[in-house]
Protein backbone atom coordinates (compact mmCIF):
# COMPACT_ATOMS: atom_id res chain seq x y z
CA LYS A 1 -2.31 -9.29 23.43
CA GLY A 2 1.44 -8.74 23.31
CA LEU A 3 1.21 -9.16 19.54
CA GLY A 4 -1.43 -6.67 19.18
CA ILE A 5 -4.30 -8.79 18.30
CA SER A 6 -7.47 -6.90 18.99
CA PHE A 7 -10.75 -6.72 17.07
CA LYS A 8 -11.92 -3.52 19.37
CA LEU A 9 -13.16 -1.37 16.51
CA ASN A 10 -12.29 2.26 16.21
CA ARG A 11 -12.06 4.86 13.52
CA TRP A 12 -8.57 3.68 12.56
CA PHE A 13 -10.01 0.52 11.10
CA VAL A 14 -11.84 2.63 8.51
CA VAL A 15 -8.57 4.57 7.76
CA ALA A 16 -6.77 1.39 7.28
CA TRP A 17 -9.37 0.24 4.93
CA LEU A 18 -9.72 3.36 2.76
CA LEU A 19 -6.61 4.98 2.70
CA PRO A 20 -4.90 2.17 0.54
CA VAL A 21 -7.69 2.89 -2.15
CA VAL A 22 -6.71 6.58 -2.02
CA PHE A 23 -3.10 5.89 -2.40
CA ASN A 24 -3.51 3.37 -5.36
CA VAL A 25 -5.72 5.57 -7.39
CA ALA A 26 -3.48 8.61 -6.51
CA ALA A 27 -0.47 6.62 -7.48
CA MET A 28 -2.22 5.60 -10.86
CA PHE A 29 -2.88 9.11 -11.81
CA ALA A 30 0.59 10.35 -10.70
CA SER A 31 2.06 7.90 -13.05
CA ALA A 32 1.03 10.21 -15.91
CA LEU A 33 3.50 12.74 -14.51
CA PHE A 34 6.29 10.59 -15.98
CA PRO A 35 6.16 10.69 -19.97
CA PRO A 36 5.72 8.60 -21.95
CA MET A 37 3.19 7.11 -19.52
CA ARG A 38 -0.26 8.64 -19.67
CA PHE A 39 -3.59 7.70 -18.44
CA SER A 40 -5.60 5.96 -20.97
CA THR A 41 -8.95 4.00 -21.46
CA GLU A 42 -7.62 2.42 -24.63
CA THR A 43 -4.71 0.12 -23.38
CA PRO A 44 -4.71 -3.32 -24.58
CA ILE A 45 -5.11 -4.83 -21.21
CA LEU A 46 -8.00 -2.72 -20.38
CA GLN A 47 -9.64 -3.47 -23.63
CA ASP A 48 -9.29 -7.00 -23.14
CA ALA A 49 -10.95 -6.92 -19.85
CA LEU A 50 -13.67 -4.88 -21.06
CA ALA A 51 -14.32 -7.38 -23.77
CA GLN A 52 -14.53 -10.27 -21.27
CA MET A 53 -16.83 -8.44 -18.88
CA SER A 54 -19.08 -7.30 -21.67
CA GLN A 55 -20.51 -10.85 -22.01
CA SER A 56 -21.99 -10.55 -18.43
CA ILE A 57 -22.23 -6.66 -18.23
CA PRO A 58 -23.31 -5.21 -21.66
CA ASP A 59 -23.01 -1.57 -20.81
CA ILE A 60 -19.64 -1.99 -19.07
CA ASP A 61 -17.12 0.89 -19.91
CA ALA A 62 -13.53 1.88 -18.54
CA TYR A 63 -14.94 3.96 -15.78
CA LYS A 64 -17.53 1.42 -14.47
CA LEU A 65 -14.86 -0.84 -14.58
CA LEU A 66 -12.78 1.16 -12.53
CA ALA A 67 -15.45 1.62 -9.95
CA ILE A 68 -16.06 -2.16 -9.82
CA THR A 69 -12.27 -2.72 -9.36
CA ILE A 70 -12.17 -0.34 -6.42
CA VAL A 71 -15.32 -1.96 -4.71
CA SER A 72 -13.91 -5.39 -5.23
CA GLY A 73 -10.79 -4.46 -3.88
CA LEU A 74 -12.32 -2.98 -0.71
CA SER A 75 -14.34 -6.37 -0.30
CA ALA A 76 -11.19 -8.56 -0.79
CA GLY A 77 -9.11 -6.16 1.31
CA ILE A 78 -11.13 -6.65 4.41
CA THR A 79 -11.75 -10.39 3.93
CA ILE A 80 -9.58 -12.93 2.23
CA ASN A 81 -6.69 -10.60 1.37
CA ALA A 82 -6.53 -9.34 4.94
CA LEU A 83 -6.48 -12.90 6.25
CA PHE A 84 -3.53 -13.65 3.94
CA ALA A 85 -1.71 -10.42 4.94
CA PHE A 86 -2.35 -11.12 8.58
CA GLY A 87 0.31 -13.99 8.39
CA GLU A 88 2.96 -11.33 7.31
CA GLU A 89 1.67 -8.30 9.70
CA ILE A 90 1.78 -10.48 12.87
CA ALA A 91 5.43 -10.81 12.25
CA TRP A 92 6.23 -7.21 11.07
CA ARG A 93 3.77 -4.94 12.91
CA GLY A 94 3.07 -7.72 15.66
CA TRP A 95 6.14 -9.50 17.08
CA LEU A 96 8.97 -7.34 15.49
CA LEU A 97 7.38 -3.93 16.21
CA LYS A 98 6.97 -5.16 19.90
CA GLN A 99 10.89 -5.57 19.93
CA PHE A 100 11.28 -1.81 19.07
CA GLU A 101 9.45 -0.36 22.18
CA GLY A 102 11.60 2.45 23.50
CA VAL A 103 13.11 3.20 19.91
CA THR A 104 11.95 6.22 18.16
CA PHE A 105 9.12 5.73 15.89
CA LEU A 106 10.97 6.91 12.78
CA LYS A 107 14.12 4.68 13.64
CA ALA A 108 11.74 1.67 14.10
CA SER A 109 10.11 2.51 10.60
CA LEU A 110 13.37 2.53 8.87
CA ILE A 111 14.85 -0.59 10.29
CA ILE A 112 11.58 -2.58 9.91
CA GLY A 113 10.96 -1.14 6.39
CA VAL A 114 14.48 -2.07 5.13
CA PHE A 115 14.08 -5.73 6.56
CA TRP A 116 10.71 -6.01 5.01
CA GLY A 117 11.88 -4.70 1.61
CA ILE A 118 14.85 -7.36 1.79
CA TRP A 119 12.30 -10.07 2.70
CA HIS A 120 10.64 -9.76 -0.56
CA ALA A 121 13.76 -10.44 -2.57
CA PRO A 122 13.12 -13.88 -3.92
CA LEU A 123 9.63 -12.67 -5.02
CA ILE A 124 11.30 -9.60 -6.62
CA ALA A 125 14.06 -11.71 -8.43
CA MET A 126 10.99 -13.87 -10.09
CA GLY A 127 9.55 -10.63 -11.39
CA HIS A 128 6.89 -9.82 -8.80
CA ASN A 129 5.97 -6.01 -9.02
CA TYR A 130 8.95 -5.31 -11.25
CA ALA A 131 8.87 -7.84 -14.13
CA GLN A 132 10.80 -5.46 -16.42
CA HIS A 133 13.54 -4.76 -14.09
CA PRO A 134 13.69 -7.53 -11.42
CA PHE A 135 17.26 -6.91 -10.16
CA ILE A 136 16.72 -2.96 -9.69
CA GLY A 137 13.32 -3.75 -8.51
CA LEU A 138 15.05 -5.15 -5.28
CA GLY A 139 16.20 -1.71 -4.47
CA MET A 140 12.96 -0.18 -5.54
CA MET A 141 11.03 -2.58 -3.26
CA ILE A 142 13.16 -1.68 -0.16
CA VAL A 143 12.49 2.01 -0.81
CA CYS A 144 8.64 1.19 -1.14
CA CYS A 145 8.58 -0.68 2.07
CA VAL A 146 10.58 2.10 3.88
CA LEU A 147 8.11 4.49 2.90
CA LEU A 148 5.17 2.33 3.42
CA THR A 149 6.25 1.37 6.86
CA PRO A 150 5.49 4.58 8.89
CA VAL A 151 2.06 4.81 7.34
CA ILE A 152 1.07 1.20 8.37
CA GLN A 153 2.94 1.47 11.60
CA TYR A 154 1.15 4.80 12.53
CA ILE A 155 -2.33 3.47 11.89
CA ARG A 156 -1.48 0.22 13.83
CA VAL A 157 -0.09 2.01 17.01
CA LYS A 158 -3.27 4.59 16.89
CA SER A 159 -5.58 1.56 16.57
CA LYS A 160 -3.82 -0.52 19.12
CA SER A 161 -4.35 -3.51 16.77
CA VAL A 162 -2.34 -5.51 14.18
CA ILE A 163 -5.47 -6.25 12.43
CA THR A 164 -5.49 -2.76 11.07
CA ALA A 165 -2.25 -3.42 9.48
CA ALA A 166 -3.43 -6.50 7.93
CA ILE A 167 -6.58 -4.73 6.56
CA PHE A 168 -4.34 -1.95 5.14
CA HIS A 169 -1.94 -4.58 3.62
CA GLY A 170 -4.75 -6.46 2.02
CA THR A 171 -6.47 -3.65 0.67
CA LEU A 172 -3.36 -2.26 -0.88
CA ASN A 173 -2.45 -5.48 -2.58
CA ALA A 174 -5.94 -5.72 -3.87
CA GLY A 175 -5.83 -2.67 -5.88
CA ALA A 176 -2.16 -2.17 -6.50
CA GLY A 177 -2.47 -3.53 -10.24
CA MET A 178 -5.01 -0.52 -11.30
CA SER A 179 -2.03 1.14 -13.01
CA LEU A 180 -1.22 -1.80 -15.33
CA MET A 181 -4.75 -1.31 -16.89
CA TYR A 182 -5.27 2.41 -17.14
CA ILE A 183 -1.59 3.65 -17.77
CA ASP A 184 -0.25 3.47 -21.44
CA ASN A 185 3.25 2.87 -22.04
CA PHE A 186 3.74 1.53 -18.45
CA ASN A 187 7.31 1.54 -16.61
CA ASP A 188 7.43 -0.54 -13.51
CA LEU A 189 10.29 1.44 -12.16
CA LEU A 190 8.29 4.78 -12.60
CA GLY A 191 4.53 4.01 -12.55
CA GLY A 192 2.10 2.62 -10.19
CA SER A 193 2.00 2.17 -6.45
CA ALA A 194 5.47 0.53 -6.46
CA GLY A 195 7.14 2.91 -8.71
CA LEU A 196 8.40 6.41 -8.40
CA ALA A 197 4.87 7.84 -8.81
CA GLY A 198 3.82 5.59 -5.69
CA PHE A 199 6.78 7.04 -3.79
CA LEU A 200 5.94 10.65 -4.32
CA VAL A 201 2.30 9.76 -3.15
CA LEU A 202 3.80 8.06 -0.09
CA LEU A 203 5.81 11.04 0.92
CA VAL A 204 2.92 13.22 0.63
CA ILE A 205 1.00 10.81 2.84
CA ASN A 206 3.99 10.51 5.27
CA CYS A 207 4.47 14.28 5.49
CA SER A 208 0.77 14.87 6.08
CA LEU A 209 0.65 12.22 8.97
CA PHE A 210 3.95 13.88 10.57
CA ALA A 211 2.25 17.39 10.25
CA ILE A 212 -0.82 16.07 11.93
CA ASP A 213 1.01 14.30 14.57
CA LYS A 214 3.30 17.58 15.34
CA TRP A 215 0.96 20.38 14.97
CA VAL A 216 -2.47 19.10 15.04
CA THR A 217 -2.68 16.36 17.85
CA LYS A 218 0.64 17.62 19.16
CA GLU A 219 1.54 13.97 20.21
CA ASN A 220 5.09 14.13 18.60
CA MET A 221 4.72 10.23 18.00
CA PHE A 222 7.19 10.27 15.05
CA THR A 223 9.99 11.46 17.20
CA SER A 224 9.11 10.08 20.48
CA PRO A 225 10.05 6.54 21.85
CA LEU A 226 7.66 3.73 20.59
CA THR A 227 4.89 2.66 22.91
CA LEU A 228 2.52 -0.18 22.18
């Protein structure tokens, strides 16, 4: 209980499952805001994937593959991916978040986000997420984690369960690679969920949650001491 492990279902479990898909798709299309990147159904990676899948699905096309990718991501996100993400989330949004009770929500998000980003340093140096720019990518990953943390943390607190954080994290990872297939001239610093395009989408999501919290529910959770 102290780690927030609860399987008592509520609407935030659904939010944790669907919001990452919205984010990944929005980040994919937002990538086209940064030329020379553009949305395309003719990228080499996508054409190779379609050629392979056409053997089992003769009428497959780019948009059907996108739908399949989203559905498979949702399936993996709430099962195997969530299980693997749980091992990470039990630390960040379970044990560590508990240590920040009494600290304001935003301050806790900033500190945890920075440590979460630095924790990825060995993977980033090996080319994970930023294969084109592994060293600059470390700074990008810290920014990415700082922007992601308030969203995951908000859902975790509202749901009263760290399981939602694992579902969000697992579903996010399952669909994060869509931009690689559908964005031509892809740049890992600018495009995709972990690039500048993703950062812009995360800013919109964070600002929306802040506005809902302040003016709709009027809980002022963002600026209040954290309670679990």
